[in-house]
Amino acid sequence: MRQFTAYIAAPLLAVTGYRFSKAWRHGDTAFKNFVYEHLLCTVKANIAADTLKANFKALLIKVGIIKVYQVEVFKMNKGA
């Protein structure tokens, strides 16, 4: 159940940029402890959100919506 809900929460996390802190795993409050223990694997949700965001950005680069410019480094040959 916790793994499944992590994948459901991942798109929302990817869009908003929110990530669960260690406080959720440590159970700083009763609510955070309940959510981590019974409802949601916060670590997997964070990782899934980062993966979604990276894959979406790669797709935008592939179709040409985002341009990536390569910077070339030129070495100066002394005495040439």
N, C-alpha and C. Protein backbone atom coordinates (compact mmCIF):
# COMPACT_ATOMS: atom_id res chain seq x y z
N MET A 1 0.82 -1.20 0.00
CA MET A 1 0.00 0.00 0.00
C MET A 1 0.87 1.26 0.00
N ARG A 2 1.89 1.29 0.85
CA ARG A 2 2.75 2.47 0.95
C ARG A 2 3.49 2.72 -0.36
N GLN A 3 3.93 1.65 -1.02
CA GLN A 3 4.66 1.79 -2.28
C GLN A 3 3.74 2.34 -3.38
N PHE A 4 2.52 1.84 -3.42
CA PHE A 4 1.55 2.25 -4.43
C PHE A 4 1.20 3.73 -4.28
N THR A 5 0.94 4.16 -3.06
CA THR A 5 0.57 5.56 -2.85
C THR A 5 1.75 6.50 -3.12
N ALA A 6 2.96 5.99 -2.99
CA ALA A 6 4.13 6.81 -3.33
C ALA A 6 4.12 7.16 -4.82
N TYR A 7 3.78 6.19 -5.65
CA TYR A 7 3.72 6.45 -7.09
C TYR A 7 2.54 7.34 -7.47
N ILE A 8 1.49 7.31 -6.69
CA ILE A 8 0.35 8.20 -6.93
C ILE A 8 0.72 9.64 -6.56
N ALA A 9 1.47 9.81 -5.48
CA ALA A 9 1.85 11.14 -5.01
C ALA A 9 2.98 11.75 -5.84
N ALA A 10 3.76 10.94 -6.53
CA ALA A 10 4.95 11.41 -7.24
C ALA A 10 4.67 12.50 -8.28
N PRO A 11 3.64 12.40 -9.13
CA PRO A 11 3.40 13.49 -10.09
C PRO A 11 3.10 14.83 -9.43
N LEU A 12 2.35 14.79 -8.34
CA LEU A 12 2.06 16.02 -7.62
C LEU A 12 3.34 16.62 -7.03
N LEU A 13 4.20 15.77 -6.50
CA LEU A 13 5.47 16.25 -5.96
C LEU A 13 6.35 16.82 -7.07
N ALA A 14 6.36 16.16 -8.22
CA ALA A 14 7.18 16.63 -9.34
C ALA A 14 6.74 18.00 -9.82
N VAL A 15 5.44 18.23 -9.89
CA VAL A 15 4.92 19.50 -10.37
C VAL A 15 5.16 20.62 -9.36
N THR A 16 4.92 20.34 -8.10
CA THR A 16 5.03 21.38 -7.07
C THR A 16 6.46 21.61 -6.60
N GLY A 17 7.33 20.60 -6.76
CA GLY A 17 8.70 20.74 -6.28
C GLY A 17 8.86 20.40 -4.81
N TYR A 18 7.77 20.01 -4.16
CA TYR A 18 7.83 19.65 -2.74
C TYR A 18 8.50 18.28 -2.59
N ARG A 19 9.31 18.13 -1.55
CA ARG A 19 9.90 16.85 -1.20
C ARG A 19 9.72 16.61 0.28
N PHE A 20 9.50 15.36 0.64
CA PHE A 20 9.35 15.01 2.05
C PHE A 20 10.71 15.04 2.73
N SER A 21 10.77 15.67 3.89
CA SER A 21 12.03 15.76 4.62
C SER A 21 12.23 14.52 5.49
N LYS A 22 13.38 14.45 6.14
CA LYS A 22 13.67 13.34 7.04
C LYS A 22 12.73 13.34 8.23
N ALA A 23 12.13 14.48 8.53
CA ALA A 23 11.21 14.57 9.66
C ALA A 23 10.04 13.60 9.50
N TRP A 24 9.65 13.34 8.25
CA TRP A 24 8.56 12.39 8.01
C TRP A 24 8.99 10.98 8.38
N ARG A 25 10.22 10.60 8.02
CA ARG A 25 10.73 9.27 8.37
C ARG A 25 10.96 9.13 9.86
N HIS A 26 11.42 10.20 10.47
CA HIS A 26 11.72 10.16 11.90
C HIS A 26 10.46 10.26 12.75
N GLY A 27 9.34 10.65 12.17
CA GLY A 27 8.09 10.74 12.90
C GLY A 27 8.10 11.84 13.94
N ASP A 28 8.50 13.04 13.52
CA ASP A 28 8.59 14.17 14.46
C ASP A 28 7.25 14.50 15.12
N THR A 29 6.17 14.30 14.40
CA THR A 29 4.84 14.51 14.98
C THR A 29 4.05 13.22 14.82
N ALA A 30 2.95 13.13 15.52
CA ALA A 30 2.12 11.93 15.41
C ALA A 30 1.56 11.78 14.01
N PHE A 31 1.21 12.91 13.38
CA PHE A 31 0.67 12.87 12.02
C PHE A 31 1.72 12.36 11.04
N LYS A 32 2.95 12.90 11.11
CA LYS A 32 4.01 12.46 10.20
C LYS A 32 4.35 11.00 10.43
N ASN A 33 4.34 10.58 11.67
CA ASN A 33 4.62 9.18 11.98
C ASN A 33 3.55 8.27 11.38
N PHE A 34 2.28 8.66 11.52
CA PHE A 34 1.18 7.86 10.97
C PHE A 34 1.28 7.77 9.44
N VAL A 35 1.54 8.91 8.80
CA VAL A 35 1.63 8.92 7.33
C VAL A 35 2.76 8.02 6.86
N TYR A 36 3.93 8.12 7.50
CA TYR A 36 5.07 7.32 7.07
C TYR A 36 4.87 5.84 7.37
N GLU A 37 4.34 5.53 8.52
CA GLU A 37 4.18 4.12 8.91
C GLU A 37 3.07 3.40 8.15
N HIS A 38 1.99 4.11 7.83
CA HIS A 38 0.81 3.41 7.30
C HIS A 38 0.38 3.82 5.90
N LEU A 39 0.69 5.03 5.46
CA LEU A 39 0.10 5.51 4.21
C LEU A 39 1.07 5.66 3.04
N LEU A 40 2.27 6.13 3.29
CA LEU A 40 3.12 6.57 2.18
C LEU A 40 4.59 6.34 2.47
N CYS A 41 5.28 5.73 1.53
CA CYS A 41 6.74 5.62 1.64
C CYS A 41 7.32 6.93 1.09
N THR A 42 7.72 7.81 1.98
CA THR A 42 8.15 9.14 1.56
C THR A 42 9.44 9.10 0.75
N VAL A 43 10.31 8.16 1.05
CA VAL A 43 11.57 8.05 0.31
C VAL A 43 11.28 7.68 -1.14
N LYS A 44 10.44 6.68 -1.34
CA LYS A 44 10.10 6.25 -2.70
C LYS A 44 9.35 7.35 -3.45
N ALA A 45 8.50 8.10 -2.74
CA ALA A 45 7.77 9.20 -3.38
C ALA A 45 8.74 10.28 -3.86
N ASN A 46 9.73 10.61 -3.06
CA ASN A 46 10.73 11.61 -3.45
C ASN A 46 11.54 11.13 -4.66
N ILE A 47 11.97 9.89 -4.63
CA ILE A 47 12.77 9.35 -5.73
C ILE A 47 11.94 9.28 -7.02
N ALA A 48 10.70 8.83 -6.90
CA ALA A 48 9.83 8.74 -8.08
C ALA A 48 9.56 10.12 -8.67
N ALA A 49 9.38 11.12 -7.82
CA ALA A 49 9.14 12.48 -8.30
C ALA A 49 10.36 13.02 -9.03
N ASP A 50 11.55 12.78 -8.49
CA ASP A 50 12.77 13.24 -9.16
C ASP A 50 12.96 12.53 -10.50
N THR A 51 12.64 11.25 -10.55
CA THR A 51 12.75 10.49 -11.79
C THR A 51 11.77 11.01 -12.84
N LEU A 52 10.54 11.26 -12.43
CA LEU A 52 9.54 11.81 -13.35
C LEU A 52 9.99 13.15 -13.92
N LYS A 53 10.50 14.00 -13.04
CA LYS A 53 10.93 15.33 -13.47
C LYS A 53 12.09 15.23 -14.46
N ALA A 54 13.05 14.35 -14.20
CA ALA A 54 14.19 14.18 -15.10
C ALA A 54 13.76 13.60 -16.44
N ASN A 55 12.87 12.62 -16.41
CA ASN A 55 12.39 12.01 -17.66
C ASN A 55 11.59 13.01 -18.50
N PHE A 56 10.79 13.84 -17.85
CA PHE A 56 10.01 14.84 -18.56
C PHE A 56 10.92 15.88 -19.21
N LYS A 57 11.95 16.29 -18.47
CA LYS A 57 12.90 17.26 -19.02
C LYS A 57 13.65 16.66 -20.21
N ALA A 58 14.04 15.40 -20.11
CA ALA A 58 14.73 14.73 -21.22
C ALA A 58 13.82 14.65 -22.44
N LEU A 59 12.54 14.41 -22.22
CA LEU A 59 11.59 14.35 -23.34
C LEU A 59 11.46 15.72 -24.01
N LEU A 60 11.40 16.78 -23.21
CA LEU A 60 11.31 18.13 -23.79
C LEU A 60 12.56 18.49 -24.59
N ILE A 61 13.70 18.03 -24.13
CA ILE A 61 14.95 18.26 -24.87
C ILE A 61 14.92 17.46 -26.17
N LYS A 62 14.45 16.23 -26.11
CA LYS A 62 14.43 15.36 -27.29
C LYS A 62 13.53 15.91 -28.39
N VAL A 63 12.38 16.45 -28.03
CA VAL A 63 11.47 16.99 -29.05
C VAL A 63 11.81 18.41 -29.45
N GLY A 64 12.77 19.00 -28.78
CA GLY A 64 13.25 20.32 -29.19
C GLY A 64 12.55 21.48 -28.52
N ILE A 65 11.75 21.22 -27.52
CA ILE A 65 11.08 22.31 -26.82
C ILE A 65 12.09 23.07 -25.95
N ILE A 66 13.01 22.33 -25.38
CA ILE A 66 14.09 22.95 -24.60
C ILE A 66 15.37 22.79 -25.40
N LYS A 67 16.09 23.87 -25.56
CA LYS A 67 17.36 23.83 -26.29
C LYS A 67 18.51 23.67 -25.30
N VAL A 68 19.43 22.82 -25.64
CA VAL A 68 20.62 22.63 -24.82
C VAL A 68 21.80 23.07 -25.67
N TYR A 69 22.53 24.00 -25.13
CA TYR A 69 23.69 24.52 -25.85
C TYR A 69 24.95 23.94 -25.25
N GLN A 70 25.80 23.43 -26.12
CA GLN A 70 27.06 22.88 -25.66
C GLN A 70 28.12 23.97 -25.74
N VAL A 71 28.90 24.05 -24.71
CA VAL A 71 29.98 25.02 -24.67
C VAL A 71 31.27 24.29 -24.99
N GLU A 72 31.92 24.74 -26.02
CA GLU A 72 33.17 24.11 -26.41
C GLU A 72 34.33 24.83 -25.75
N VAL A 73 35.29 24.07 -25.33
CA VAL A 73 36.47 24.62 -24.69
C VAL A 73 37.61 24.57 -25.69
N PHE A 74 38.18 25.73 -25.95
CA PHE A 74 39.29 25.81 -26.89
C PHE A 74 40.58 25.93 -26.10
N LYS A 75 41.55 25.11 -26.47
CA LYS A 75 42.87 25.20 -25.84
C LYS A 75 43.74 26.10 -26.73
N MET A 76 44.40 27.00 -26.09
CA MET A 76 45.28 27.87 -26.85
C MET A 76 46.66 27.19 -26.93
N ASN A 77 47.10 26.98 -28.12
CA ASN A 77 48.42 26.38 -28.33
C ASN A 77 49.46 27.48 -28.30
N LYS A 78 50.32 27.40 -27.35
CA LYS A 78 51.38 28.41 -27.24
C LYS A 78 52.44 28.14 -28.30
N GLY A 79 52.82 29.18 -28.99
CA GLY A 79 53.85 29.08 -29.99
C GLY A 79 53.36 28.53 -31.33
N ALA A 80 52.09 28.36 -31.50
CA ALA A 80 51.61 27.81 -32.77
C ALA A 80 51.20 28.92 -33.70
